[in-house]
């Protein structure tokens, strides 16, 4: 099933602003200090980890601790605005390698 979900520009801007604020908090610094991508598990220098929304902001996700995870740039670029269920196939391919 393909569900379309539109988020207005104002909401997108507010959530992205919240995400920038989250990246400055100590809980985020502790998350990236481990240097692990949430998705592929690869070890990555902490400064190279990006903040990814598990449920993308563009699909109705919020910038909360429970929805934000550290991701390597490769996974974040591959995931784009996929929902977790849509992303599952890509993760399965990674595990098979």
N, C-alpha and C. Protein backbone atom coordinates (compact mmCIF):
# COMPACT_ATOMS: atom_id res chain seq x y z
N UNK A 1 0.82 -1.18 0.00
CA UNK A 1 0.00 0.00 0.00
C UNK A 1 0.87 1.24 0.00
N UNK A 2 0.44 2.19 -0.72
CA UNK A 2 1.17 3.45 -0.79
C UNK A 2 0.29 4.56 -0.22
N UNK A 3 0.72 5.12 0.89
CA UNK A 3 -0.04 6.20 1.51
C UNK A 3 0.68 7.51 1.26
N UNK A 4 -0.07 8.50 0.86
CA UNK A 4 0.50 9.82 0.66
C UNK A 4 0.20 10.64 1.89
N UNK A 5 1.19 11.33 2.37
CA UNK A 5 1.03 12.15 3.56
C UNK A 5 1.70 13.47 3.29
N UNK A 6 0.94 14.53 3.40
CA UNK A 6 1.52 15.85 3.15
C UNK A 6 1.70 16.59 4.46
N UNK A 7 2.86 17.19 4.61
CA UNK A 7 3.16 18.01 5.77
C UNK A 7 3.41 19.41 5.24
N UNK A 8 2.76 20.40 5.85
CA UNK A 8 2.93 21.76 5.35
C UNK A 8 4.34 22.28 5.65
N UNK A 9 4.76 23.24 4.85
CA UNK A 9 6.12 23.79 4.96
C UNK A 9 6.43 24.33 6.35
N UNK A 10 5.46 24.96 6.99
CA UNK A 10 5.67 25.50 8.34
C UNK A 10 5.99 24.40 9.33
N UNK A 11 5.25 23.28 9.25
CA UNK A 11 5.51 22.15 10.15
C UNK A 11 6.88 21.55 9.87
N UNK A 12 7.26 21.43 8.60
CA UNK A 12 8.58 20.91 8.25
C UNK A 12 9.68 21.79 8.84
N UNK A 13 9.53 23.09 8.70
CA UNK A 13 10.51 24.04 9.22
C UNK A 13 10.64 23.91 10.74
N UNK A 14 9.51 23.81 11.43
CA UNK A 14 9.54 23.69 12.90
C UNK A 14 10.22 22.40 13.34
N UNK A 15 9.92 21.30 12.67
CA UNK A 15 10.53 20.01 13.04
C UNK A 15 12.02 20.00 12.75
N UNK A 16 12.43 20.60 11.66
CA UNK A 16 13.85 20.66 11.33
C UNK A 16 14.60 21.54 12.33
N UNK A 17 13.94 22.59 12.80
CA UNK A 17 14.52 23.46 13.82
C UNK A 17 14.69 22.69 15.13
N UNK A 18 13.68 21.90 15.48
CA UNK A 18 13.76 21.07 16.69
C UNK A 18 14.91 20.07 16.56
N UNK A 19 15.09 19.51 15.37
CA UNK A 19 16.17 18.54 15.15
C UNK A 19 17.53 19.20 15.34
N UNK A 20 17.69 20.43 14.86
CA UNK A 20 18.95 21.15 15.06
C UNK A 20 19.22 21.35 16.54
N UNK A 21 18.17 21.66 17.30
CA UNK A 21 18.32 21.85 18.75
C UNK A 21 18.66 20.52 19.43
N UNK A 22 18.05 19.42 18.99
CA UNK A 22 18.34 18.11 19.58
C UNK A 22 19.81 17.73 19.39
N UNK A 23 20.38 18.06 18.24
CA UNK A 23 21.78 17.70 17.97
C UNK A 23 22.75 18.38 18.93
N UNK A 24 22.33 19.44 19.58
CA UNK A 24 23.20 20.16 20.52
C UNK A 24 23.10 19.60 21.94
N UNK A 25 22.13 18.74 22.19
CA UNK A 25 21.91 18.23 23.54
C UNK A 25 22.86 17.09 23.88
N UNK A 26 23.11 16.93 25.18
CA UNK A 26 24.06 15.92 25.63
C UNK A 26 23.60 14.50 25.31
N UNK A 27 22.29 14.22 25.33
CA UNK A 27 21.85 12.87 25.01
C UNK A 27 22.25 12.50 23.59
N UNK A 28 22.20 13.47 22.65
CA UNK A 28 22.60 13.19 21.27
C UNK A 28 24.11 13.00 21.19
N UNK A 29 24.86 13.82 21.90
CA UNK A 29 26.31 13.68 21.91
C UNK A 29 26.69 12.30 22.44
N UNK A 30 25.98 11.80 23.44
CA UNK A 30 26.23 10.46 23.97
C UNK A 30 25.88 9.39 22.95
N UNK A 31 24.80 9.59 22.20
CA UNK A 31 24.41 8.61 21.18
C UNK A 31 25.46 8.49 20.09
N UNK A 32 25.98 9.63 19.61
CA UNK A 32 26.94 9.55 18.51
C UNK A 32 28.34 9.19 19.01
N UNK A 33 28.60 9.37 20.30
CA UNK A 33 29.92 9.03 20.85
C UNK A 33 30.25 7.56 20.65
N UNK A 34 29.23 6.71 20.59
CA UNK A 34 29.43 5.27 20.36
C UNK A 34 29.96 5.01 18.95
N UNK A 35 29.67 5.94 18.02
CA UNK A 35 30.17 5.81 16.66
C UNK A 35 29.55 4.68 15.87
N UNK A 36 28.28 4.36 16.15
CA UNK A 36 27.62 3.27 15.44
C UNK A 36 26.38 3.75 14.70
N UNK A 37 26.26 3.30 13.46
CA UNK A 37 25.06 3.60 12.68
C UNK A 37 23.92 2.73 13.21
N UNK A 38 22.79 3.34 13.46
CA UNK A 38 21.62 2.64 13.96
C UNK A 38 21.14 1.56 12.99
N UNK A 39 21.31 1.80 11.70
CA UNK A 39 20.76 0.90 10.69
C UNK A 39 21.70 -0.24 10.31
N UNK A 40 22.92 0.06 9.93
CA UNK A 40 23.82 -0.99 9.43
C UNK A 40 24.79 -1.49 10.51
N UNK A 41 24.91 -0.74 11.62
CA UNK A 41 25.78 -1.17 12.71
C UNK A 41 27.25 -0.90 12.47
N UNK A 42 27.59 -0.25 11.36
CA UNK A 42 28.99 0.03 11.06
C UNK A 42 29.55 1.06 12.03
N UNK A 43 30.83 0.92 12.30
CA UNK A 43 31.53 1.89 13.13
C UNK A 43 31.89 3.09 12.26
N UNK A 44 31.51 4.28 12.73
CA UNK A 44 31.69 5.51 11.98
C UNK A 44 32.21 6.57 12.93
N UNK A 45 33.17 7.39 12.51
CA UNK A 45 33.59 8.49 13.40
C UNK A 45 32.37 9.31 13.81
N UNK A 46 32.22 9.61 15.09
CA UNK A 46 31.03 10.33 15.57
C UNK A 46 30.68 11.59 14.78
N UNK A 47 31.67 12.33 14.35
CA UNK A 47 31.40 13.58 13.61
C UNK A 47 30.79 13.30 12.23
N UNK A 48 30.90 12.06 11.76
CA UNK A 48 30.35 11.72 10.45
C UNK A 48 28.95 11.13 10.52
N UNK A 49 28.44 10.91 11.74
CA UNK A 49 27.08 10.39 11.88
C UNK A 49 26.08 11.53 11.69
N UNK A 50 24.97 11.21 11.05
CA UNK A 50 23.91 12.18 10.83
C UNK A 50 22.71 11.82 11.70
N UNK A 51 21.86 12.79 11.94
CA UNK A 51 20.63 12.54 12.67
C UNK A 51 19.57 12.13 11.65
N UNK A 52 19.00 10.95 11.85
CA UNK A 52 17.95 10.48 10.95
C UNK A 52 16.66 10.31 11.73
N UNK A 53 15.57 10.71 11.11
CA UNK A 53 14.25 10.50 11.69
C UNK A 53 13.77 9.13 11.23
N UNK A 54 13.49 8.22 12.17
CA UNK A 54 13.01 6.89 11.82
C UNK A 54 11.74 7.01 10.98
N UNK A 55 10.78 7.77 11.48
CA UNK A 55 9.61 8.14 10.67
C UNK A 55 9.93 9.54 10.16
N UNK A 56 10.20 9.68 8.88
CA UNK A 56 10.64 10.96 8.32
C UNK A 56 9.66 12.11 8.59
N UNK A 57 10.21 13.28 8.79
CA UNK A 57 9.40 14.48 9.00
C UNK A 57 8.45 14.68 7.82
N UNK A 58 8.92 14.43 6.63
CA UNK A 58 8.09 14.60 5.44
C UNK A 58 6.92 13.62 5.40
N UNK A 59 6.98 12.58 6.23
CA UNK A 59 5.91 11.58 6.29
C UNK A 59 5.14 11.67 7.61
N UNK A 60 5.32 12.77 8.34
CA UNK A 60 4.57 12.98 9.56
C UNK A 60 5.33 12.71 10.84
N UNK A 61 6.62 12.34 10.74
CA UNK A 61 7.44 12.08 11.92
C UNK A 61 7.76 13.36 12.67
N UNK A 62 8.20 13.22 13.88
CA UNK A 62 8.54 14.37 14.72
C UNK A 62 10.00 14.31 15.13
N UNK A 63 10.52 15.45 15.51
CA UNK A 63 11.90 15.54 15.99
C UNK A 63 11.90 15.33 17.50
N UNK A 64 11.81 14.06 17.89
CA UNK A 64 11.83 13.67 19.29
C UNK A 64 12.94 12.65 19.51
N UNK A 65 13.36 12.48 20.76
CA UNK A 65 14.41 11.50 21.05
C UNK A 65 14.04 10.11 20.56
N UNK A 66 12.80 9.74 20.68
CA UNK A 66 12.36 8.41 20.27
C UNK A 66 12.31 8.20 18.77
N UNK A 67 12.35 9.27 18.00
CA UNK A 67 12.26 9.16 16.55
C UNK A 67 13.56 9.54 15.85
N UNK A 68 14.59 9.92 16.60
CA UNK A 68 15.86 10.34 16.01
C UNK A 68 16.97 9.36 16.37
N UNK A 69 17.69 8.90 15.35
CA UNK A 69 18.77 7.95 15.56
C UNK A 69 20.00 8.37 14.76
N UNK A 70 21.20 7.96 15.22
CA UNK A 70 22.40 8.24 14.45
C UNK A 70 22.50 7.30 13.24
N UNK A 71 22.85 7.85 12.10
CA UNK A 71 22.97 7.05 10.88
C UNK A 71 24.19 7.50 10.10
N UNK A 72 24.84 6.52 9.46
CA UNK A 72 25.94 6.88 8.57
C UNK A 72 25.33 7.58 7.36
N UNK A 73 26.14 8.33 6.66
CA UNK A 73 25.63 9.09 5.51
C UNK A 73 25.07 8.17 4.44
N UNK A 74 25.70 7.01 4.26
CA UNK A 74 25.23 6.06 3.24
C UNK A 74 23.81 5.59 3.55
N UNK A 75 23.57 5.17 4.79
CA UNK A 75 22.23 4.71 5.15
C UNK A 75 21.22 5.85 5.09
N UNK A 76 21.60 7.01 5.59
CA UNK A 76 20.68 8.15 5.58
C UNK A 76 20.31 8.53 4.14
N UNK A 77 21.28 8.52 3.25
CA UNK A 77 21.01 8.83 1.84
C UNK A 77 20.16 7.76 1.17
N UNK A 78 20.37 6.50 1.54
CA UNK A 78 19.59 5.41 0.95
C UNK A 78 18.16 5.42 1.47
N UNK A 79 18.00 5.71 2.76
CA UNK A 79 16.68 5.67 3.39
C UNK A 79 15.79 6.81 2.92
N UNK A 80 16.36 7.98 2.77
CA UNK A 80 15.61 9.18 2.35
C UNK A 80 14.36 9.33 3.19
N UNK A 81 13.19 9.30 2.60
CA UNK A 81 11.96 9.48 3.38
C UNK A 81 11.12 8.21 3.41
N UNK A 82 11.80 7.07 3.46
CA UNK A 82 11.08 5.80 3.56
C UNK A 82 10.64 5.57 5.00
N UNK A 83 9.48 4.95 5.14
CA UNK A 83 9.01 4.52 6.44
C UNK A 83 9.76 3.26 6.84
N UNK A 84 9.79 2.92 8.14
CA UNK A 84 10.53 1.72 8.57
C UNK A 84 10.15 0.46 7.80
N UNK A 85 8.89 0.25 7.53
CA UNK A 85 8.46 -0.95 6.80
C UNK A 85 9.00 -0.95 5.37
N UNK A 86 9.11 0.22 4.77
CA UNK A 86 9.63 0.33 3.41
C UNK A 86 11.15 0.16 3.39
N UNK A 87 11.79 0.50 4.48
CA UNK A 87 13.24 0.46 4.61
C UNK A 87 13.73 -0.95 4.93
N UNK A 88 12.83 -1.78 5.42
CA UNK A 88 13.18 -3.13 5.86
C UNK A 88 13.89 -3.95 4.78
N UNK A 89 13.46 -3.86 3.55
CA UNK A 89 14.07 -4.63 2.46
C UNK A 89 15.55 -4.28 2.31
N UNK A 90 15.87 -3.00 2.35
CA UNK A 90 17.26 -2.57 2.23
C UNK A 90 18.08 -3.12 3.39
N UNK A 91 17.55 -3.06 4.60
CA UNK A 91 18.27 -3.57 5.77
C UNK A 91 18.53 -5.07 5.65
N UNK A 92 17.56 -5.80 5.13
CA UNK A 92 17.73 -7.24 4.95
C UNK A 92 18.87 -7.53 3.97
N UNK A 93 18.98 -6.76 2.92
CA UNK A 93 20.08 -6.95 1.96
C UNK A 93 21.42 -6.70 2.64
N UNK A 94 21.50 -5.70 3.52
CA UNK A 94 22.75 -5.42 4.23
C UNK A 94 23.17 -6.60 5.10
N UNK A 95 22.20 -7.21 5.75
CA UNK A 95 22.49 -8.34 6.64
C UNK A 95 22.99 -9.55 5.87
N UNK A 96 22.57 -9.69 4.61
CA UNK A 96 22.98 -10.83 3.79
C UNK A 96 24.39 -10.70 3.28
N UNK A 97 24.95 -9.51 3.31
CA UNK A 97 26.30 -9.28 2.77
C UNK A 97 27.35 -9.74 3.74
